[in-house]
C-alpha atoms as a PDB file:
ATOM      1  CA  MET A   1     -16.966  20.675  -9.861  1.00  0.00           C
ATOM      2  CA  THR A   2     -18.778  17.042  -9.564  1.00  0.00           C
ATOM      3  CA  GLU A   3     -16.610  13.751  -9.786  1.00  0.00           C
ATOM      4  CA  ILE A   4     -18.831  10.798 -12.468  1.00  0.00           C
ATOM      5  CA  ILE A   5     -18.872   7.372 -10.052  1.00  0.00           C
ATOM      6  CA  SER A   6     -18.726   5.090 -11.932  1.00  0.00           C
ATOM      7  CA  ASP A   7     -16.007   1.955 -14.257  1.00  0.00           C
ATOM      8  CA  ALA A   8     -13.213   3.524 -14.497  1.00  0.00           C
ATOM      9  CA  ARG A   9     -12.032   1.291 -17.560  1.00  0.00           C
ATOM     10  CA  LEU A  10     -14.844   3.287 -19.687  1.00  0.00           C
ATOM     11  CA  PRO A  11     -14.534   6.471 -21.676  1.00  0.00           C
ATOM     12  CA  LEU A  12     -15.668   9.277 -20.029  1.00  0.00           C
ATOM     13  CA  TYR A  13     -18.484   9.705 -22.427  1.00  0.00           C
ATOM     14  CA  GLN A  14     -20.404   5.923 -21.617  1.00  0.00           C
ATOM     15  CA  ARG A  15     -19.248   7.463 -17.740  1.00  0.00           C
ATOM     16  CA  LEU A  16     -21.377  10.617 -17.995  1.00  0.00           C
ATOM     17  CA  ARG A  17     -23.320   8.668 -20.647  1.00  0.00           C
ATOM     18  CA  ASP A  18     -24.092   6.637 -17.224  1.00  0.00           C
ATOM     19  CA  HIS A  19     -24.133   9.457 -15.087  1.00  0.00           C
ATOM     20  CA  LEU A  20     -27.112  11.376 -16.751  1.00  0.00           C
ATOM     21  CA  ALA A  21     -29.579   8.238 -17.566  1.00  0.00           C
ATOM     22  CA  GLU A  22     -29.387   7.655 -13.384  1.00  0.00           C
ATOM     23  CA  ARG A  23     -30.336  10.715 -12.875  1.00  0.00           C
ATOM     24  CA  ILE A  24     -33.394  11.239 -14.634  1.00  0.00           C
ATOM     25  CA  ALA A  25     -33.907   7.105 -13.893  1.00  0.00           C
ATOM     26  CA  SER A  26     -33.705   8.460 -10.498  1.00  0.00           C
ATOM     27  CA  HIS A  27     -35.770  11.544 -11.507  1.00  0.00           C
ATOM     28  CA  VAL A  28     -33.768  14.108 -10.831  1.00  0.00           C
ATOM     29  CA  TRP A  29     -35.330  15.324 -14.326  1.00  0.00           C
ATOM     30  CA  ARG A  30     -38.708  13.543 -15.554  1.00  0.00           C
ATOM     31  CA  PRO A  31     -39.984  13.819 -19.491  1.00  0.00           C
ATOM     32  CA  GLY A  32     -40.441  16.648 -20.761  1.00  0.00           C
ATOM     33  CA  GLU A  33     -37.951  18.638 -18.563  1.00  0.00           C
ATOM     34  CA  ALA A  34     -34.531  20.185 -19.729  1.00  0.00           C
ATOM     35  CA  ILE A  35     -31.077  19.380 -18.550  1.00  0.00           C
ATOM     36  CA  PRO A  36     -28.827  21.543 -18.649  1.00  0.00           C
ATOM     37  CA  THR A  37     -26.827  22.914 -21.494  1.00  0.00           C
ATOM     38  CA  GLU A  38     -23.876  21.034 -22.901  1.00  0.00           C
ATOM     39  CA  ALA A  39     -21.208  23.684 -21.231  1.00  0.00           C
ATOM     40  CA  GLU A  40     -23.498  23.699 -17.356  1.00  0.00           C
ATOM     41  CA  LEU A  41     -22.365  19.910 -17.494  1.00  0.00           C
ATOM     42  CA  ALA A  42     -19.190  20.424 -19.031  1.00  0.00           C
ATOM     43  CA  ALA A  43     -18.492  22.969 -15.997  1.00  0.00           C
ATOM     44  CA  THR A  44     -19.811  20.734 -13.338  1.00  0.00           C
ATOM     45  CA  HIS A  45     -18.143  17.506 -14.438  1.00  0.00           C
ATOM     46  CA  GLY A  46     -14.672  19.694 -15.886  1.00  0.00           C
ATOM     47  CA  LEU A  47     -15.202  17.657 -18.858  1.00  0.00           C
ATOM     48  CA  SER A  48     -14.562  18.802 -22.310  1.00  0.00           C
ATOM     49  CA  ILE A  49     -17.820  20.374 -24.419  1.00  0.00           C
ATOM     50  CA  GLY A  50     -17.033  16.893 -27.168  1.00  0.00           C
ATOM     51  CA  THR A  51     -17.660  14.166 -24.586  1.00  0.00           C
ATOM     52  CA  VAL A  52     -20.724  16.324 -23.215  1.00  0.00           C
ATOM     53  CA  ARG A  53     -22.061  16.720 -26.759  1.00  0.00           C
ATOM     54  CA  LYS A  54     -21.171  12.737 -27.285  1.00  0.00           C
ATOM     55  CA  ALA A  55     -22.575  11.873 -24.002  1.00  0.00           C
ATOM     56  CA  ILE A  56     -25.612  13.191 -24.874  1.00  0.00           C
ATOM     57  CA  ASP A  57     -25.370  11.728 -28.677  1.00  0.00           C
ATOM     58  CA  CYS A  58     -25.958   8.633 -27.335  1.00  0.00           C
ATOM     59  CA  LEU A  59     -28.564   9.505 -24.946  1.00  0.00           C
ATOM     60  CA  VAL A  60     -30.935  10.508 -28.076  1.00  0.00           C
ATOM     61  CA  ALA A  61     -29.778   8.102 -30.131  1.00  0.00           C
ATOM     62  CA  GLU A  62     -31.437   5.655 -27.514  1.00  0.00           C
ATOM     63  CA  GLY A  63     -34.828   7.624 -27.362  1.00  0.00           C
ATOM     64  CA  ILE A  64     -33.806   8.827 -23.719  1.00  0.00           C
ATOM     65  CA  LEU A  65     -32.924  12.854 -25.077  1.00  0.00           C
ATOM     66  CA  GLU A  66     -34.174  14.811 -27.743  1.00  0.00           C
ATOM     67  CA  ARG A  67     -32.878  18.415 -28.746  1.00  0.00           C
ATOM     68  CA  GLN A  68     -35.613  20.822 -29.634  1.00  0.00           C
ATOM     69  CA  GLN A  69     -34.486  23.689 -32.000  1.00  0.00           C
ATOM     70  CA  GLY A  70     -33.334  26.463 -30.290  1.00  0.00           C
ATOM     71  CA  ARG A  71     -34.759  25.453 -26.981  1.00  0.00           C
ATOM     72  CA  GLY A  72     -32.183  23.139 -25.622  1.00  0.00           C
ATOM     73  CA  THR A  73     -32.204  19.214 -24.982  1.00  0.00           C
ATOM     74  CA  TYR A  74     -34.727  17.753 -22.287  1.00  0.00           C
ATOM     75  CA  VAL A  75     -35.511  14.394 -21.197  1.00  0.00           C
ATOM     76  CA  ARG A  76     -38.518  12.374 -24.290  1.00  0.00           C
ATOM     77  CA  ARG A  77     -41.613  11.703 -23.046  1.00  0.00           C
ATOM     78  CA  ALA A  78     -43.286   9.082 -24.617  1.00  0.00           C
ATOM     79  CA  ARG A  79     -45.743   9.065 -27.053  1.00  0.00           C
ATOM     80  CA  PHE A  80     -47.206   5.475 -27.968  1.00  0.00           C
ATOM     81  CA  ASN A  81     -50.508   6.362 -28.514  1.00  0.00           C
ATOM     82  CA  SER A  82     -49.418   7.152 -32.436  1.00  0.00           C
ATOM     83  CA  SER A  83     -49.078   3.494 -32.350  1.00  0.00           C
ATOM     84  CA  LEU A  84     -53.162   2.751 -32.416  1.00  0.00           C
ATOM     85  CA  PHE A  85     -53.417   5.482 -35.220  1.00  0.00           C
ATOM     86  CA  ARG A  86     -50.788   3.677 -37.204  1.00  0.00           C
ATOM     87  CA  PHE A  87     -52.736   0.297 -36.872  1.00  0.00           C
ATOM     88  CA  PHE A  88     -56.165   1.546 -36.558  1.00  0.00           C
ATOM     89  CA  ARG A  89     -59.071   3.715 -38.120  1.00  0.00           C
ATOM     90  CA  PHE A  90     -60.073   6.445 -34.689  1.00  0.00           C
ATOM     91  CA  GLN A  91     -61.895   8.910 -36.190  1.00  0.00           C
ATOM     92  CA  SER A  92     -65.477  10.119 -35.086  1.00  0.00           C
ATOM     93  CA  GLU A  93     -68.428  10.153 -37.974  1.00  0.00           C
ATOM     94  CA  SER A  94     -67.660  13.580 -39.448  1.00  0.00           C
ATOM     95  CA  GLY A  95     -63.856  11.944 -39.982  1.00  0.00           C
ATOM     96  CA  GLU A  96     -61.652  13.591 -37.476  1.00  0.00           C
ATOM     97  CA  ARG A  97     -59.259  11.428 -35.425  1.00  0.00           C
ATOM     98  CA  ARG A  98     -60.118  11.680 -32.048  1.00  0.00           C
ATOM     99  CA  VAL A  99     -58.009   9.867 -29.184  1.00  0.00           C
ATOM    100  CA  PRO A 100     -59.896   7.142 -27.907  1.00  0.00           C
ATOM    101  CA  GLN A 101     -62.358   7.131 -24.691  1.00  0.00           C
ATOM    102  CA  SER A 102     -61.210   5.003 -22.083  1.00  0.00           C
ATOM    103  CA  ARG A 103     -63.108   3.463 -19.265  1.00  0.00           C
ATOM    104  CA  ILE A 104     -61.718   0.151 -16.548  1.00  0.00           C
ATOM    105  CA  LEU A 105     -64.039  -2.499 -16.337  1.00  0.00           C
ATOM    106  CA  ARG A 106     -61.809  -4.288 -13.683  1.00  0.00           C
ATOM    107  CA  ARG A 107     -59.014  -3.723 -11.393  1.00  0.00           C
ATOM    108  CA  LYS A 108     -57.377  -6.613  -9.614  1.00  0.00           C
ATOM    109  CA  GLU A 109     -54.555  -8.235  -8.051  1.00  0.00           C
ATOM    110  CA  VAL A 110     -53.522 -11.936  -8.602  1.00  0.00           C
ATOM    111  CA  PRO A 111     -50.940 -14.204  -8.897  1.00  0.00           C
ATOM    112  CA  ALA A 112     -48.953 -14.154 -11.885  1.00  0.00           C
ATOM    113  CA  PRO A 113     -50.150 -16.494 -14.799  1.00  0.00           C
ATOM    114  CA  SER A 114     -46.767 -17.708 -16.712  1.00  0.00           C
ATOM    115  CA  ALA A 115     -47.393 -15.772 -19.690  1.00  0.00           C
ATOM    116  CA  ALA A 116     -47.411 -12.657 -17.807  1.00  0.00           C
ATOM    117  CA  ALA A 117     -44.270 -14.168 -15.177  1.00  0.00           C
ATOM    118  CA  SER A 118     -42.487 -14.028 -18.543  1.00  0.00           C
ATOM    119  CA  ALA A 119     -43.442 -10.697 -20.252  1.00  0.00           C
ATOM    120  CA  LEU A 120     -42.467  -8.468 -16.504  1.00  0.00           C
ATOM    121  CA  ARG A 121     -39.986 -11.138 -16.718  1.00  0.00           C
ATOM    122  CA  ILE A 122     -41.428 -11.943 -13.216  1.00  0.00           C
ATOM    123  CA  PRO A 123     -41.623 -15.679 -10.923  1.00  0.00           C
ATOM    124  CA  PRO A 124     -45.018 -17.181 -11.532  1.00  0.00           C
ATOM    125  CA  GLY A 125     -47.289 -16.042  -8.854  1.00  0.00           C
ATOM    126  CA  GLU A 126     -45.854 -13.170  -7.724  1.00  0.00           C
ATOM    127  CA  PRO A 127     -48.675 -10.343  -7.229  1.00  0.00           C
ATOM    128  CA  VAL A 128     -49.520  -8.652 -10.392  1.00  0.00           C
ATOM    129  CA  ILE A 129     -52.203  -5.552 -11.048  1.00  0.00           C
ATOM    130  CA  ASN A 130     -54.782  -7.075 -14.590  1.00  0.00           C
ATOM    131  CA  LEU A 131     -56.600  -4.155 -15.558  1.00  0.00           C
ATOM    132  CA  SER A 132     -59.837  -4.592 -18.131  1.00  0.00           C
ATOM    133  CA  ARG A 133     -60.471  -1.798 -20.272  1.00  0.00           C
ATOM    134  CA  LEU A 134     -62.052  -0.346 -22.970  1.00  0.00           C
ATOM    135  CA  ARG A 135     -61.706   2.085 -25.579  1.00  0.00           C
ATOM    136  CA  LEU A 136     -64.406   3.692 -27.525  1.00  0.00           C
ATOM    137  CA  ILE A 137     -65.314   6.738 -29.782  1.00  0.00           C
ATOM    138  CA  ASP A 138     -69.080   8.263 -29.535  1.00  0.00           C
ATOM    139  CA  GLY A 139     -69.599   5.661 -27.413  1.00  0.00           C
ATOM    140  CA  VAL A 140     -68.794   2.700 -29.653  1.00  0.00           C
ATOM    141  CA  PRO A 141     -66.616   0.176 -28.460  1.00  0.00           C
ATOM    142  CA  LEU A 142     -63.200  -0.006 -30.829  1.00  0.00           C
ATOM    143  CA  LEU A 143     -60.506  -1.935 -28.061  1.00  0.00           C
ATOM    144  CA  ALA A 144     -60.652  -4.427 -25.654  1.00  0.00           C
ATOM    145  CA  GLU A 145     -58.052  -4.249 -23.620  1.00  0.00           C
ATOM    146  CA  GLU A 146     -55.935  -6.555 -20.657  1.00  0.00           C
ATOM    147  CA  ILE A 147     -53.482  -4.893 -19.061  1.00  0.00           C
ATOM    148  CA  TRP A 148     -50.807  -6.707 -16.526  1.00  0.00           C
ATOM    149  CA  LEU A 149     -48.090  -4.970 -14.531  1.00  0.00           C
ATOM    150  CA  GLN A 150     -46.238  -5.602 -10.981  1.00  0.00           C
ATOM    151  CA  ARG A 151     -47.937  -4.986  -8.347  1.00  0.00           C
ATOM    152  CA  SER A 152     -44.608  -3.978  -6.007  1.00  0.00           C
ATOM    153  CA  ARG A 153     -44.154  -1.352  -8.350  1.00  0.00           C
ATOM    154  CA  PHE A 154     -47.854   0.243  -9.004  1.00  0.00           C
ATOM    155  CA  ALA A 155     -49.952  -1.161  -5.908  1.00  0.00           C
ATOM    156  CA  ALA A 156     -50.994   3.415  -6.089  1.00  0.00           C
ATOM    157  CA  ILE A 157     -52.790   2.089  -8.458  1.00  0.00           C
ATOM    158  CA  MET A 158     -55.532  -0.155  -6.371  1.00  0.00           C
ATOM    159  CA  GLU A 159     -55.856   2.818  -4.375  1.00  0.00           C
ATOM    160  CA  ILE A 160     -57.083   5.516  -7.911  1.00  0.00           C
ATOM    161  CA  ASP A 161     -61.161   6.439  -8.026  1.00  0.00           C
ATOM    162  CA  SER A 162     -62.451   4.716 -11.113  1.00  0.00           C
ATOM    163  CA  GLY A 163     -62.997   8.043 -12.262  1.00  0.00           C
ATOM    164  CA  ASP A 164     -59.871   9.568 -12.319  1.00  0.00           C
ATOM    165  CA  PHE A 165     -58.289   7.191 -14.986  1.00  0.00           C
ATOM    166  CA  SER A 166     -57.384   9.280 -17.480  1.00  0.00           C
ATOM    167  CA  ASP A 167     -57.533   8.404 -21.145  1.00  0.00           C
ATOM    168  CA  LEU A 168     -54.189   7.728 -21.098  1.00  0.00           C
ATOM    169  CA  LEU A 169     -52.238   5.358 -18.489  1.00  0.00           C
ATOM    170  CA  TYR A 170     -48.763   6.107 -18.865  1.00  0.00           C
ATOM    171  CA  PRO A 171     -48.864  10.194 -17.139  1.00  0.00           C
ATOM    172  CA  LEU A 172     -51.003   8.680 -14.769  1.00  0.00           C
ATOM    173  CA  TYR A 173     -48.490   5.468 -14.194  1.00  0.00           C
ATOM    174  CA  GLU A 174     -45.427   8.281 -13.828  1.00  0.00           C
ATOM    175  CA  GLU A 175     -47.668  10.400 -11.413  1.00  0.00           C
ATOM    176  CA  ARG A 176     -49.295   8.569  -9.319  1.00  0.00           C
ATOM    177  CA  CYS A 177     -46.366   5.702  -9.277  1.00  0.00           C
ATOM    178  CA  GLY A 178     -43.270   7.067  -9.589  1.00  0.00           C
ATOM    179  CA  GLN A 179     -43.265   4.632 -13.241  1.00  0.00           C
ATOM    180  CA  VAL A 180     -41.784   5.848 -16.592  1.00  0.00           C
ATOM    181  CA  VAL A 181     -41.945   4.532 -19.591  1.00  0.00           C
ATOM    182  CA  VAL A 182     -39.120   4.785 -21.825  1.00  0.00           C
ATOM    183  CA  SER A 183     -39.552   2.748 -25.449  1.00  0.00           C
ATOM    184  CA  ALA A 184     -42.431  -0.643 -25.841  1.00  0.00           C
ATOM    185  CA  ASP A 185     -41.822  -3.544 -28.021  1.00  0.00           C
ATOM    186  CA  GLU A 186     -45.067  -4.471 -30.315  1.00  0.00           C
ATOM    187  CA  VAL A 187     -45.883  -7.548 -31.872  1.00  0.00           C
ATOM    188  CA  LEU A 188     -48.853  -8.067 -34.081  1.00  0.00           C
ATOM    189  CA  THR A 189     -50.949 -11.059 -34.711  1.00  0.00           C
ATOM    190  CA  VAL A 190     -54.369 -11.989 -35.625  1.00  0.00           C
ATOM    191  CA  GLU A 191     -56.863 -14.777 -33.746  1.00  0.00           C
ATOM    192  CA  THR A 192     -60.991 -14.806 -33.625  1.00  0.00           C
ATOM    193  CA  ALA A 193     -63.227 -13.027 -30.377  1.00  0.00           C
ATOM    194  CA  ASN A 194     -64.269 -15.241 -28.020  1.00  0.00           C
ATOM    195  CA  THR A 195     -67.336 -15.077 -26.298  1.00  0.00           C
ATOM    196  CA  MET A 196     -66.744 -12.320 -24.179  1.00  0.00           C
ATOM    197  CA  GLN A 197     -64.176 -10.342 -26.675  1.00  0.00           C
ATOM    198  CA  ALA A 198     -67.357  -9.726 -29.154  1.00  0.00           C
ATOM    199  CA  ARG A 199     -69.943  -9.445 -26.323  1.00  0.00           C
ATOM    200  CA  LEU A 200     -67.372  -6.025 -25.858  1.00  0.00           C
ATOM    201  CA  LEU A 201     -66.695  -4.976 -28.949  1.00  0.00           C
ATOM    202  CA  ARG A 202     -70.631  -5.665 -30.012  1.00  0.00           C
ATOM    203  CA  LEU A 203     -69.360  -8.405 -32.708  1.00  0.00           C
ATOM    204  CA  GLU A 204     -70.138 -11.708 -33.080  1.00  0.00           C
ATOM    205  CA  ALA A 205     -68.095 -14.358 -31.917  1.00  0.00           C
ATOM    206  CA  GLY A 206     -65.632 -15.462 -34.197  1.00  0.00           C
ATOM    207  CA  ALA A 207     -65.480 -12.046 -35.787  1.00  0.00           C
ATOM    208  CA  PRO A 208     -61.516 -11.538 -36.657  1.00  0.00           C
ATOM    209  CA  LEU A 209     -59.266  -9.464 -34.412  1.00  0.00           C
ATOM    210  CA  ILE A 210     -56.427  -7.451 -34.278  1.00  0.00           C
ATOM    211  CA  VAL A 211     -54.143  -8.378 -31.542  1.00  0.00           C
ATOM    212  CA  ILE A 212     -51.508  -5.940 -30.529  1.00  0.00           C
ATOM    213  CA  GLU A 213     -49.437  -7.030 -27.951  1.00  0.00           C
ATOM    214  CA  ARG A 214     -46.918  -4.804 -25.883  1.00  0.00           C
ATOM    215  CA  ILE A 215     -44.040  -4.742 -23.637  1.00  0.00           C
ATOM    216  CA  ALA A 216     -43.140  -1.801 -21.853  1.00  0.00           C
ATOM    217  CA  TYR A 217     -40.351  -0.479 -20.287  1.00  0.00           C
ATOM    218  CA  ASP A 218     -38.869   2.130 -18.066  1.00  0.00           C
ATOM    219  CA  LEU A 219     -35.176   3.621 -18.737  1.00  0.00           C
ATOM    220  CA  GLU A 220     -32.975   0.839 -17.639  1.00  0.00           C
ATOM    221  CA  ARG A 221     -34.854  -1.350 -20.282  1.00  0.00           C
ATOM    222  CA  ARG A 222     -36.864  -3.536 -17.144  1.00  0.00           C
ATOM    223  CA  PRO A 223     -40.023  -4.556 -18.388  1.00  0.00           C
ATOM    224  CA  ILE A 224     -43.369  -2.602 -16.397  1.00  0.00           C
ATOM    225  CA  GLU A 225     -46.630  -3.029 -17.963  1.00  0.00           C
ATOM    226  CA  TRP A 226     -47.424  -5.948 -20.802  1.00  0.00           C
ATOM    227  CA  ARG A 227     -50.681  -5.719 -22.307  1.00  0.00           C
ATOM    228  CA  ARG A 228     -53.152  -6.907 -25.136  1.00  0.00           C
ATOM    229  CA  SER A 229     -55.393  -4.814 -27.931  1.00  0.00           C
ATOM    230  CA  ARG A 230     -57.612  -6.017 -29.665  1.00  0.00           C
ATOM    231  CA  GLY A 231     -59.563  -4.787 -32.299  1.00  0.00           C
ATOM    232  CA  PRO A 232     -62.381  -5.516 -34.887  1.00  0.00           C
ATOM    233  CA  ALA A 233     -59.766  -6.239 -38.394  1.00  0.00           C
ATOM    234  CA  ASP A 234     -62.487  -4.140 -40.405  1.00  0.00           C
ATOM    235  CA  ARG A 235     -61.388  -1.031 -38.421  1.00  0.00           C
ATOM    236  CA  PHE A 236     -57.663  -2.732 -38.806  1.00  0.00           C
ATOM    237  CA  ARG A 237     -54.867  -0.326 -41.313  1.00  0.00           C
ATOM    238  CA  TYR A 238     -50.781  -0.331 -41.612  1.00  0.00           C
ATOM    239  CA  HIS A 239     -48.650   2.788 -41.352  1.00  0.00           C
ATOM    240  CA  ALA A 240     -45.148   2.488 -42.856  1.00  0.00           C
ATOM    241  CA  GLU A 241     -43.168   6.116 -44.095  1.00  0.00           C
ATOM    242  CA  ILE A 242     -40.237   4.913 -45.708  1.00  0.00           C
ATOM    243  CA  ARG A 243     -37.640   7.000 -46.489  1.00  0.00           C
END
């Protein structure tokens, strides 16, 4: 039987919740992998099924775990690319919905500017990695992105060949840097394109842009990525399902 080392003043289910979360954070179970069954966890920790279920319910409600009917409970894999489809029309000429291709334009290490330091909750001037990325469909640029990462966590990004970057960055963060994005906050704003943004997106300078500002968090709710994605306002859409 495995003893849960935690604050004894907390209810048992909360202590188990914290213990399971810690094991997920330390990659004992990785995104997309199943955790042990409720019966196995109950036997391992000497707890009732009800206590185990309540702990798992907490992690499901927090979006860390997900139950799959008839299969078990899995560590949830982030699916943030869907937010782009909620805000922009990403379709080929035939009308097929497509994940935009990605092209890394610039990758550099710099002292954190104040805005990036504030978003990542690090001291101004601490080393960060800045990625500039263009996202395209059929060669047509649709989004210009600026991405900021804490260098101490993402140093391996600087060693990756440009051709090894995939269209989605979060799997790369996990595979190469051991950093797992679990949740994110997004804010939408409107601005006009400056000269460089207009050139990248093939727009007139001063054209209206929609900006998606995202802060991505790890399991412990620490910010690990700050990005700004800018796209032409005439491709903007908003979709929300209200129940």
